């Protein structure tokens, strides 16, 4: 196993893992031919095992069909990349979308470049390839980065160097795995955005889905969602008859108590809103009572 903590000055994790030459330029994998210096072999598609480290779980059916039609017309000009596993079988490293589309196109053999790389390098390459092509949704990305960190003992800084992200960016993405399964689905489907998801991380997992739904139902912007979560964290929200009752800021309650003692004819009531704002209701017994209060305020 490569120890990413023992690096030569100026070295790159891509070089240490031996995967830099595997990275395919950002081009059309069908219309762009492979590098002339790369030697490929024709492999039976039925003998190719899937990449066990493939972070991408979902492939667009429409996109695969479009690629399949292109392969039928032009052939597959960009080879897939495979390796020999411990059972001497061909195992996919890169190009699962191309492999699937080729099978849909009825191809029995396709060009492949055979490389020998480690499990760690295989996982790293699959993640990097998908990141470069923006093929992973945010939860798939979080799971992939987490796998790199846990399976190979990498720090978040190590992972960041490997995939071209800052340590903070890696940590923030991995934290999304703490979301409940329901909220993860909402995030992937675009029902909530990253700002909403980040503020929900402050809540216990059991409460996240219900609060997320409230954010969606009320179409709360991120700032108001953050205020709602702050109220919950502060112990201000209590469930009553299936709905939320929000207690006002304790400092406002102290002011209300003070005024009630100073001005016997005036009653104040504060109703806090989930957005973080609220309503101040003033009730007075006689006009002279409110006039006295207004003079004091002025």
C-alpha atoms as a PDB file:
ATOM      1  CA  UNK A   1       0.000   0.000   0.000  1.00  0.00           C
ATOM      2  CA  UNK A   2       1.234   3.451  -0.809  1.00  0.00           C
ATOM      3  CA  UNK A   3       1.839   5.670   2.195  1.00  0.00           C
ATOM      4  CA  UNK A   4       0.655   9.084   1.112  1.00  0.00           C
ATOM      5  CA  UNK A   5       2.196  10.641   4.193  1.00  0.00           C
ATOM      6  CA  UNK A   6       5.697   9.876   2.925  1.00  0.00           C
ATOM      7  CA  UNK A   7       5.949  11.877  -0.253  1.00  0.00           C
ATOM      8  CA  UNK A   8       8.868  13.278  -2.143  1.00  0.00           C
ATOM      9  CA  UNK A   9       8.773  17.061  -2.250  1.00  0.00           C
ATOM     10  CA  UNK A  10       6.591  18.178  -5.140  1.00  0.00           C
ATOM     11  CA  UNK A  11       5.322  14.688  -5.934  1.00  0.00           C
ATOM     12  CA  UNK A  12       1.718  14.074  -6.925  1.00  0.00           C
ATOM     13  CA  UNK A  13      -0.611  11.376  -5.535  1.00  0.00           C
ATOM     14  CA  UNK A  14      -1.456  10.542  -9.150  1.00  0.00           C
ATOM     15  CA  UNK A  15       2.183   9.691  -9.796  1.00  0.00           C
ATOM     16  CA  UNK A  16       2.524   7.750  -6.544  1.00  0.00           C
ATOM     17  CA  UNK A  17      -0.490   5.599  -7.368  1.00  0.00           C
ATOM     18  CA  UNK A  18       0.592   5.165 -10.965  1.00  0.00           C
ATOM     19  CA  UNK A  19      -2.694   6.338 -12.460  1.00  0.00           C
ATOM     20  CA  UNK A  20      -1.824   9.632 -14.143  1.00  0.00           C
ATOM     21  CA  UNK A  21      -1.456   7.941 -17.531  1.00  0.00           C
ATOM     22  CA  UNK A  22      -4.888   6.323 -17.112  1.00  0.00           C
ATOM     23  CA  UNK A  23      -6.729   9.613 -16.956  1.00  0.00           C
ATOM     24  CA  UNK A  24      -8.562  10.188 -20.206  1.00  0.00           C
ATOM     25  CA  UNK A  25      -8.668  13.770 -21.516  1.00  0.00           C
ATOM     26  CA  UNK A  26     -11.978  15.580 -21.265  1.00  0.00           C
ATOM     27  CA  UNK A  27     -13.219  14.516 -24.687  1.00  0.00           C
ATOM     28  CA  UNK A  28     -15.916  12.503 -26.378  1.00  0.00           C
ATOM     29  CA  UNK A  29     -15.090   8.833 -25.654  1.00  0.00           C
ATOM     30  CA  UNK A  30     -16.617   7.794 -28.963  1.00  0.00           C
ATOM     31  CA  UNK A  31     -15.535  10.419 -31.474  1.00  0.00           C
ATOM     32  CA  UNK A  32     -12.031  10.984 -30.093  1.00  0.00           C
ATOM     33  CA  UNK A  33      -9.592   8.191 -31.006  1.00  0.00           C
ATOM     34  CA  UNK A  34      -7.254   6.717 -28.426  1.00  0.00           C
ATOM     35  CA  UNK A  35      -3.670   7.935 -28.151  1.00  0.00           C
ATOM     36  CA  UNK A  36      -1.546   6.421 -30.878  1.00  0.00           C
ATOM     37  CA  UNK A  37       1.011   5.172 -28.348  1.00  0.00           C
ATOM     38  CA  UNK A  38      -1.567   3.131 -26.413  1.00  0.00           C
ATOM     39  CA  UNK A  39      -1.886  -0.523 -27.368  1.00  0.00           C
ATOM     40  CA  UNK A  40      -5.328  -2.057 -26.987  1.00  0.00           C
ATOM     41  CA  UNK A  41      -6.654  -5.598 -27.353  1.00  0.00           C
ATOM     42  CA  UNK A  42     -10.092  -6.832 -28.354  1.00  0.00           C
ATOM     43  CA  UNK A  43     -11.915  -8.400 -25.396  1.00  0.00           C
ATOM     44  CA  UNK A  44     -15.197 -10.310 -25.263  1.00  0.00           C
ATOM     45  CA  UNK A  45     -17.656  -8.057 -23.409  1.00  0.00           C
ATOM     46  CA  UNK A  46     -19.114 -11.035 -21.519  1.00  0.00           C
ATOM     47  CA  UNK A  47     -15.754 -11.742 -19.864  1.00  0.00           C
ATOM     48  CA  UNK A  48     -15.355  -8.267 -18.346  1.00  0.00           C
ATOM     49  CA  UNK A  49     -16.180  -8.059 -14.648  1.00  0.00           C
ATOM     50  CA  UNK A  50     -17.597  -4.790 -13.261  1.00  0.00           C
ATOM     51  CA  UNK A  51     -15.388  -2.472 -11.253  1.00  0.00           C
ATOM     52  CA  UNK A  52     -16.109  -3.234  -7.566  1.00  0.00           C
ATOM     53  CA  UNK A  53     -14.876   0.251  -6.684  1.00  0.00           C
ATOM     54  CA  UNK A  54     -17.145   2.105  -9.122  1.00  0.00           C
ATOM     55  CA  UNK A  55     -18.620   4.988  -7.100  1.00  0.00           C
ATOM     56  CA  UNK A  56     -21.241   5.817  -9.698  1.00  0.00           C
ATOM     57  CA  UNK A  57     -24.481   3.922  -9.025  1.00  0.00           C
ATOM     58  CA  UNK A  58     -26.883   5.516 -11.496  1.00  0.00           C
ATOM     59  CA  UNK A  59     -26.580   5.804 -15.270  1.00  0.00           C
ATOM     60  CA  UNK A  60     -29.022   7.781 -17.408  1.00  0.00           C
ATOM     61  CA  UNK A  61     -30.948   5.437 -19.697  1.00  0.00           C
ATOM     62  CA  UNK A  62     -31.368   8.202 -22.282  1.00  0.00           C
ATOM     63  CA  UNK A  63     -27.655   8.992 -22.216  1.00  0.00           C
ATOM     64  CA  UNK A  64     -26.741   5.314 -22.619  1.00  0.00           C
ATOM     65  CA  UNK A  65     -29.132   4.970 -25.553  1.00  0.00           C
ATOM     66  CA  UNK A  66     -27.639   8.023 -27.241  1.00  0.00           C
ATOM     67  CA  UNK A  67     -24.114   6.680 -26.760  1.00  0.00           C
ATOM     68  CA  UNK A  68     -25.212   3.255 -27.987  1.00  0.00           C
ATOM     69  CA  UNK A  69     -26.524   4.732 -31.236  1.00  0.00           C
ATOM     70  CA  UNK A  70     -23.268   6.631 -31.715  1.00  0.00           C
ATOM     71  CA  UNK A  71     -21.247   3.443 -31.180  1.00  0.00           C
ATOM     72  CA  UNK A  72     -23.406   1.621 -33.713  1.00  0.00           C
ATOM     73  CA  UNK A  73     -22.643   4.311 -36.272  1.00  0.00           C
ATOM     74  CA  UNK A  74     -18.978   4.992 -35.529  1.00  0.00           C
ATOM     75  CA  UNK A  75     -17.710   2.149 -33.397  1.00  0.00           C
ATOM     76  CA  UNK A  76     -15.942   2.593 -30.056  1.00  0.00           C
ATOM     77  CA  UNK A  77     -12.829   4.640 -30.772  1.00  0.00           C
ATOM     78  CA  UNK A  78     -11.783   5.205 -27.137  1.00  0.00           C
ATOM     79  CA  UNK A  79     -10.861   1.862 -25.494  1.00  0.00           C
ATOM     80  CA  UNK A  80     -12.050   0.981 -22.027  1.00  0.00           C
ATOM     81  CA  UNK A  81      -9.390   0.277 -19.373  1.00  0.00           C
ATOM     82  CA  UNK A  82      -9.211  -3.091 -17.593  1.00  0.00           C
ATOM     83  CA  UNK A  83      -6.880  -5.026 -15.319  1.00  0.00           C
ATOM     84  CA  UNK A  84      -6.367  -8.680 -14.472  1.00  0.00           C
ATOM     85  CA  UNK A  85      -7.743  -9.497 -11.010  1.00  0.00           C
ATOM     86  CA  UNK A  86      -6.571 -12.222  -8.615  1.00  0.00           C
ATOM     87  CA  UNK A  87      -8.720 -14.790 -10.467  1.00  0.00           C
ATOM     88  CA  UNK A  88      -7.004 -13.828 -13.751  1.00  0.00           C
ATOM     89  CA  UNK A  89     -10.245 -12.253 -14.990  1.00  0.00           C
ATOM     90  CA  UNK A  90     -10.557  -8.942 -16.798  1.00  0.00           C
ATOM     91  CA  UNK A  91     -11.896  -6.349 -14.375  1.00  0.00           C
ATOM     92  CA  UNK A  92     -13.101  -2.945 -15.522  1.00  0.00           C
ATOM     93  CA  UNK A  93     -11.139   0.073 -14.340  1.00  0.00           C
ATOM     94  CA  UNK A  94     -12.615   2.820 -16.501  1.00  0.00           C
ATOM     95  CA  UNK A  95     -15.347   3.064 -19.107  1.00  0.00           C
ATOM     96  CA  UNK A  96     -18.421   1.410 -17.574  1.00  0.00           C
ATOM     97  CA  UNK A  97     -20.714   3.735 -19.509  1.00  0.00           C
ATOM     98  CA  UNK A  98     -18.930   2.822 -22.749  1.00  0.00           C
ATOM     99  CA  UNK A  99     -19.109  -0.886 -21.876  1.00  0.00           C
ATOM    100  CA  UNK A 100     -22.848  -0.751 -21.166  1.00  0.00           C
ATOM    101  CA  UNK A 101     -23.557   1.233 -24.314  1.00  0.00           C
ATOM    102  CA  UNK A 102     -21.456  -1.185 -26.390  1.00  0.00           C
ATOM    103  CA  UNK A 103     -23.471  -4.116 -25.054  1.00  0.00           C
ATOM    104  CA  UNK A 104     -26.680  -2.259 -25.904  1.00  0.00           C
ATOM    105  CA  UNK A 105     -25.296  -1.711 -29.404  1.00  0.00           C
ATOM    106  CA  UNK A 106     -24.871  -5.462 -29.797  1.00  0.00           C
ATOM    107  CA  UNK A 107     -21.077  -5.467 -29.843  1.00  0.00           C
ATOM    108  CA  UNK A 108     -19.481  -8.748 -28.724  1.00  0.00           C
ATOM    109  CA  UNK A 109     -15.886  -7.510 -28.535  1.00  0.00           C
ATOM    110  CA  UNK A 110     -14.534  -4.051 -27.779  1.00  0.00           C
ATOM    111  CA  UNK A 111     -11.044  -2.517 -27.565  1.00  0.00           C
ATOM    112  CA  UNK A 112      -9.491  -2.404 -24.104  1.00  0.00           C
ATOM    113  CA  UNK A 113      -6.201  -1.268 -22.611  1.00  0.00           C
ATOM    114  CA  UNK A 114      -4.895  -3.708 -19.989  1.00  0.00           C
ATOM    115  CA  UNK A 115      -3.181  -2.121 -16.961  1.00  0.00           C
ATOM    116  CA  UNK A 116      -1.947  -3.552 -13.678  1.00  0.00           C
ATOM    117  CA  UNK A 117      -2.776  -1.261 -10.778  1.00  0.00           C
ATOM    118  CA  UNK A 118      -3.549  -1.719  -7.081  1.00  0.00           C
ATOM    119  CA  UNK A 119      -6.997  -1.758  -5.500  1.00  0.00           C
ATOM    120  CA  UNK A 120      -6.262   1.656  -3.998  1.00  0.00           C
ATOM    121  CA  UNK A 121      -5.317   3.079  -7.371  1.00  0.00           C
ATOM    122  CA  UNK A 122      -8.381   1.491  -8.970  1.00  0.00           C
ATOM    123  CA  UNK A 123     -10.716   3.174  -6.490  1.00  0.00           C
ATOM    124  CA  UNK A 124      -8.885   6.490  -6.732  1.00  0.00           C
ATOM    125  CA  UNK A 125      -8.979   6.455 -10.511  1.00  0.00           C
ATOM    126  CA  UNK A 126     -12.695   5.624 -10.669  1.00  0.00           C
ATOM    127  CA  UNK A 127     -13.449   8.542  -8.356  1.00  0.00           C
ATOM    128  CA  UNK A 128     -11.193  10.998 -10.170  1.00  0.00           C
ATOM    129  CA  UNK A 129     -12.571  10.056 -13.580  1.00  0.00           C
ATOM    130  CA  UNK A 130     -16.147  10.595 -12.427  1.00  0.00           C
ATOM    131  CA  UNK A 131     -15.282  13.856 -10.673  1.00  0.00           C
ATOM    132  CA  UNK A 132     -13.615  15.216 -13.797  1.00  0.00           C
ATOM    133  CA  UNK A 133     -16.678  14.381 -15.858  1.00  0.00           C
ATOM    134  CA  UNK A 134     -19.071  15.484 -13.082  1.00  0.00           C
ATOM    135  CA  UNK A 135     -20.817  12.112 -13.252  1.00  0.00           C
ATOM    136  CA  UNK A 136     -21.309  11.610  -9.496  1.00  0.00           C
ATOM    137  CA  UNK A 137     -24.164  13.048  -7.480  1.00  0.00           C
ATOM    138  CA  UNK A 138     -23.130  14.627  -4.207  1.00  0.00           C
ATOM    139  CA  UNK A 139     -23.947  11.572  -2.053  1.00  0.00           C
ATOM    140  CA  UNK A 140     -22.034   9.230  -4.374  1.00  0.00           C
ATOM    141  CA  UNK A 141     -19.116  11.640  -4.153  1.00  0.00           C
ATOM    142  CA  UNK A 142     -19.330  11.690  -0.346  1.00  0.00           C
ATOM    143  CA  UNK A 143     -19.364   7.884  -0.210  1.00  0.00           C
ATOM    144  CA  UNK A 144     -16.394   7.690  -2.572  1.00  0.00           C
ATOM    145  CA  UNK A 145     -14.264  10.158  -0.630  1.00  0.00           C
ATOM    146  CA  UNK A 146     -15.188   8.413   2.614  1.00  0.00           C
ATOM    147  CA  UNK A 147     -14.088   5.080   1.121  1.00  0.00           C
ATOM    148  CA  UNK A 148     -10.703   6.502   0.203  1.00  0.00           C
ATOM    149  CA  UNK A 149     -10.228   7.866   3.702  1.00  0.00           C
ATOM    150  CA  UNK A 150     -11.353   4.783   5.625  1.00  0.00           C
ATOM    151  CA  UNK A 151     -10.170   1.894   3.451  1.00  0.00           C
ATOM    152  CA  UNK A 152      -6.678   3.251   2.962  1.00  0.00           C
ATOM    153  CA  UNK A 153      -6.098   5.241   6.136  1.00  0.00           C
ATOM    154  CA  UNK A 154      -5.901   8.588   4.364  1.00  0.00           C
ATOM    155  CA  UNK A 155      -6.476  11.912   6.061  1.00  0.00           C
ATOM    156  CA  UNK A 156      -8.914  14.327   4.464  1.00  0.00           C
ATOM    157  CA  UNK A 157      -5.889  16.342   3.337  1.00  0.00           C
ATOM    158  CA  UNK A 158      -4.495  13.236   1.592  1.00  0.00           C
ATOM    159  CA  UNK A 159      -7.824  12.634  -0.131  1.00  0.00           C
ATOM    160  CA  UNK A 160      -8.020  16.284  -1.130  1.00  0.00           C
ATOM    161  CA  UNK A 161      -4.594  16.164  -2.777  1.00  0.00           C
ATOM    162  CA  UNK A 162      -5.612  13.039  -4.652  1.00  0.00           C
ATOM    163  CA  UNK A 163      -8.839  14.426  -6.116  1.00  0.00           C
ATOM    164  CA  UNK A 164      -7.885  18.078  -6.399  1.00  0.00           C
ATOM    165  CA  UNK A 165     -10.032  19.437  -3.564  1.00  0.00           C
ATOM    166  CA  UNK A 166      -9.210  21.283  -0.347  1.00  0.00           C
ATOM    167  CA  UNK A 167      -9.261  19.475   2.984  1.00  0.00           C
ATOM    168  CA  UNK A 168     -12.255  21.554   4.078  1.00  0.00           C
ATOM    169  CA  UNK A 169     -14.166  20.724   0.889  1.00  0.00           C
ATOM    170  CA  UNK A 170     -13.539  17.002   1.393  1.00  0.00           C
ATOM    171  CA  UNK A 171     -14.630  17.158   5.041  1.00  0.00           C
ATOM    172  CA  UNK A 172     -17.791  19.110   4.222  1.00  0.00           C
ATOM    173  CA  UNK A 173     -18.844  16.670   1.510  1.00  0.00           C
ATOM    174  CA  UNK A 174     -18.182  13.602   3.682  1.00  0.00           C
ATOM    175  CA  UNK A 175     -20.314  15.129   6.456  1.00  0.00           C
ATOM    176  CA  UNK A 176     -23.345  14.797   4.177  1.00  0.00           C
ATOM    177  CA  UNK A 177     -23.304  11.064   4.947  1.00  0.00           C
ATOM    178  CA  UNK A 178     -24.649  12.000   8.394  1.00  0.00           C
ATOM    179  CA  UNK A 179     -27.952  13.013   6.795  1.00  0.00           C
ATOM    180  CA  UNK A 180     -30.917  10.674   7.135  1.00  0.00           C
ATOM    181  CA  UNK A 181     -31.696   8.484   4.136  1.00  0.00           C
ATOM    182  CA  UNK A 182     -34.824  10.523   3.364  1.00  0.00           C
ATOM    183  CA  UNK A 183     -32.898  13.797   3.325  1.00  0.00           C
ATOM    184  CA  UNK A 184     -30.169  12.282   1.148  1.00  0.00           C
ATOM    185  CA  UNK A 185     -32.807  11.413  -1.448  1.00  0.00           C
ATOM    186  CA  UNK A 186     -34.232  14.947  -1.268  1.00  0.00           C
ATOM    187  CA  UNK A 187     -30.755  16.382  -1.816  1.00  0.00           C
ATOM    188  CA  UNK A 188     -29.924  14.100  -4.756  1.00  0.00           C
ATOM    189  CA  UNK A 189     -33.291  14.832  -6.394  1.00  0.00           C
ATOM    190  CA  UNK A 190     -32.809  18.580  -5.981  1.00  0.00           C
ATOM    191  CA  UNK A 191     -35.772  19.020  -3.623  1.00  0.00           C
ATOM    192  CA  UNK A 192     -33.416  20.795  -1.210  1.00  0.00           C
ATOM    193  CA  UNK A 193     -30.045  22.320  -1.974  1.00  0.00           C
ATOM    194  CA  UNK A 194     -26.645  22.061  -0.319  1.00  0.00           C
ATOM    195  CA  UNK A 195     -27.301  25.038   1.944  1.00  0.00           C
ATOM    196  CA  UNK A 196     -30.416  23.396   3.374  1.00  0.00           C
ATOM    197  CA  UNK A 197     -28.599  20.081   3.779  1.00  0.00           C
ATOM    198  CA  UNK A 198     -25.686  21.641   5.641  1.00  0.00           C
ATOM    199  CA  UNK A 199     -27.927  23.322   8.202  1.00  0.00           C
ATOM    200  CA  UNK A 200     -29.887  20.078   8.736  1.00  0.00           C
ATOM    201  CA  UNK A 201     -26.637  18.358   9.739  1.00  0.00           C
ATOM    202  CA  UNK A 202     -26.867  20.211  13.040  1.00  0.00           C
ATOM    203  CA  UNK A 203     -29.995  18.221  13.953  1.00  0.00           C
ATOM    204  CA  UNK A 204     -30.272  14.645  15.230  1.00  0.00           C
ATOM    205  CA  UNK A 205     -30.799  12.271  12.314  1.00  0.00           C
ATOM    206  CA  UNK A 206     -34.298  11.335  13.544  1.00  0.00           C
ATOM    207  CA  UNK A 207     -35.460  14.961  13.248  1.00  0.00           C
ATOM    208  CA  UNK A 208     -33.897  15.830   9.901  1.00  0.00           C
ATOM    209  CA  UNK A 209     -36.579  14.475   7.565  1.00  0.00           C
ATOM    210  CA  UNK A 210     -39.508  16.243   9.254  1.00  0.00           C
ATOM    211  CA  UNK A 211     -37.671  19.563   9.366  1.00  0.00           C
ATOM    212  CA  UNK A 212     -36.552  19.156   5.751  1.00  0.00           C
ATOM    213  CA  UNK A 213     -40.166  18.597   4.728  1.00  0.00           C
ATOM    214  CA  UNK A 214     -41.218  21.724   6.621  1.00  0.00           C
ATOM    215  CA  UNK A 215     -38.527  23.674   4.753  1.00  0.00           C
ATOM    216  CA  UNK A 216     -39.883  22.351   1.449  1.00  0.00           C
ATOM    217  CA  UNK A 217     -43.550  22.915   2.323  1.00  0.00           C
ATOM    218  CA  UNK A 218     -42.924  26.504   3.363  1.00  0.00           C
ATOM    219  CA  UNK A 219     -40.379  27.103   0.578  1.00  0.00           C
ATOM    220  CA  UNK A 220     -37.932  28.515   3.088  1.00  0.00           C
ATOM    221  CA  UNK A 221     -34.748  30.062   1.720  1.00  0.00           C
ATOM    222  CA  UNK A 222     -31.510  28.865   3.300  1.00  0.00           C
ATOM    223  CA  UNK A 223     -31.284  31.787   5.726  1.00  0.00           C
ATOM    224  CA  UNK A 224     -34.765  31.113   7.110  1.00  0.00           C
ATOM    225  CA  UNK A 225     -34.034  27.386   7.253  1.00  0.00           C
ATOM    226  CA  UNK A 226     -30.931  28.132   9.307  1.00  0.00           C
ATOM    227  CA  UNK A 227     -33.031  30.243  11.686  1.00  0.00           C
ATOM    228  CA  UNK A 228     -35.528  27.409  12.040  1.00  0.00           C
ATOM    229  CA  UNK A 229     -32.759  24.957  12.879  1.00  0.00           C
ATOM    230  CA  UNK A 230     -31.243  27.373  15.396  1.00  0.00           C
ATOM    231  CA  UNK A 231     -34.591  27.566  17.173  1.00  0.00           C
ATOM    232  CA  UNK A 232     -34.797  23.787  17.316  1.00  0.00           C
ATOM    233  CA  UNK A 233     -31.244  23.392  18.581  1.00  0.00           C
ATOM    234  CA  UNK A 234     -31.882  25.984  21.269  1.00  0.00           C
ATOM    235  CA  UNK A 235     -34.697  23.852  22.602  1.00  0.00           C
ATOM    236  CA  UNK A 236     -37.216  26.486  21.569  1.00  0.00           C
ATOM    237  CA  UNK A 237     -39.519  24.274  19.547  1.00  0.00           C
ATOM    238  CA  UNK A 238     -41.948  21.945  21.219  1.00  0.00           C
ATOM    239  CA  UNK A 239     -44.329  19.664  19.391  1.00  0.00           C
ATOM    240  CA  UNK A 240     -47.956  20.289  20.259  1.00  0.00           C
ATOM    241  CA  UNK A 241     -50.865  18.549  18.521  1.00  0.00           C
ATOM    242  CA  UNK A 242     -48.573  17.582  15.658  1.00  0.00           C
ATOM    243  CA  UNK A 243     -47.513  21.176  14.987  1.00  0.00           C
ATOM    244  CA  UNK A 244     -44.590  23.295  16.128  1.00  0.00           C
ATOM    245  CA  UNK A 245     -44.829  25.927  18.847  1.00  0.00           C
ATOM    246  CA  UNK A 246     -41.867  28.289  18.957  1.00  0.00           C
ATOM    247  CA  UNK A 247     -40.915  30.063  22.163  1.00  0.00           C
ATOM    248  CA  UNK A 248     -39.474  33.577  21.802  1.00  0.00           C
ATOM    249  CA  UNK A 249     -35.921  34.575  22.588  1.00  0.00           C
ATOM    250  CA  UNK A 250     -35.480  34.526  26.420  1.00  0.00           C
ATOM    251  CA  UNK A 251     -34.100  38.074  26.282  1.00  0.00           C
ATOM    252  CA  UNK A 252     -37.373  39.322  24.797  1.00  0.00           C
ATOM    253  CA  UNK A 253     -39.301  37.493  27.495  1.00  0.00           C
ATOM    254  CA  UNK A 254     -37.324  39.405  30.128  1.00  0.00           C
ATOM    255  CA  UNK A 255     -38.285  42.707  28.495  1.00  0.00           C
ATOM    256  CA  UNK A 256     -41.946  41.679  28.451  1.00  0.00           C
ATOM    257  CA  UNK A 257     -41.808  40.794  32.140  1.00  0.00           C
ATOM    258  CA  UNK A 258     -40.169  44.132  32.959  1.00  0.00           C
ATOM    259  CA  UNK A 259     -42.810  46.156  31.096  1.00  0.00           C
ATOM    260  CA  UNK A 260     -45.624  44.164  32.702  1.00  0.00           C
ATOM    261  CA  UNK A 261     -44.295  45.053  36.139  1.00  0.00           C
ATOM    262  CA  UNK A 262     -43.755  48.730  35.335  1.00  0.00           C
ATOM    263  CA  UNK A 263     -47.056  49.292  33.512  1.00  0.00           C
ATOM    264  CA  UNK A 264     -49.898  47.399  35.115  1.00  0.00           C
ATOM    265  CA  UNK A 265     -52.440  48.309  32.429  1.00  0.00           C
ATOM    266  CA  UNK A 266     -50.391  46.896  29.564  1.00  0.00           C
ATOM    267  CA  UNK A 267     -49.992  43.289  28.491  1.00  0.00           C
ATOM    268  CA  UNK A 268     -47.452  42.189  25.906  1.00  0.00           C
ATOM    269  CA  UNK A 269     -47.401  38.940  23.993  1.00  0.00           C
ATOM    270  CA  UNK A 270     -44.624  37.744  21.708  1.00  0.00           C
ATOM    271  CA  UNK A 271     -45.198  35.125  19.016  1.00  0.00           C
ATOM    272  CA  UNK A 272     -42.021  33.857  17.410  1.00  0.00           C
ATOM    273  CA  UNK A 273     -41.980  32.673  13.800  1.00  0.00           C
ATOM    274  CA  UNK A 274     -40.097  29.731  12.379  1.00  0.00           C
ATOM    275  CA  UNK A 275     -38.172  32.092  10.097  1.00  0.00           C
ATOM    276  CA  UNK A 276     -36.517  33.674  13.132  1.00  0.00           C
ATOM    277  CA  UNK A 277     -38.719  36.796  13.228  1.00  0.00           C
ATOM    278  CA  UNK A 278     -41.870  37.310  15.243  1.00  0.00           C
ATOM    279  CA  UNK A 279     -44.874  39.436  16.221  1.00  0.00           C
ATOM    280  CA  UNK A 280     -45.195  41.704  19.279  1.00  0.00           C
ATOM    281  CA  UNK A 281     -48.830  42.119  20.408  1.00  0.00           C
ATOM    282  CA  UNK A 282     -49.672  44.974  22.802  1.00  0.00           C
ATOM    283  CA  UNK A 283     -52.908  44.927  24.795  1.00  0.00           C
ATOM    284  CA  UNK A 284     -53.854  47.905  27.006  1.00  0.00           C
ATOM    285  CA  UNK A 285     -56.787  48.642  29.323  1.00  0.00           C
ATOM    286  CA  UNK A 286     -57.044  52.390  28.721  1.00  0.00           C
ATOM    287  CA  UNK A 287     -55.667  54.942  26.292  1.00  0.00           C
ATOM    288  CA  UNK A 288     -53.675  56.581  29.059  1.00  0.00           C
ATOM    289  CA  UNK A 289     -51.745  53.344  29.568  1.00  0.00           C
ATOM    290  CA  UNK A 290     -50.453  53.190  26.006  1.00  0.00           C
ATOM    291  CA  UNK A 291     -49.760  56.938  25.981  1.00  0.00           C
ATOM    292  CA  UNK A 292     -47.586  56.519  29.058  1.00  0.00           C
ATOM    293  CA  UNK A 293     -45.648  53.679  27.423  1.00  0.00           C
ATOM    294  CA  UNK A 294     -45.162  55.629  24.200  1.00  0.00           C
ATOM    295  CA  UNK A 295     -43.778  58.591  26.127  1.00  0.00           C
ATOM    296  CA  UNK A 296     -41.263  56.342  27.829  1.00  0.00           C
ATOM    297  CA  UNK A 297     -40.203  54.803  24.511  1.00  0.00           C
ATOM    298  CA  UNK A 298     -39.779  58.234  22.901  1.00  0.00           C
END
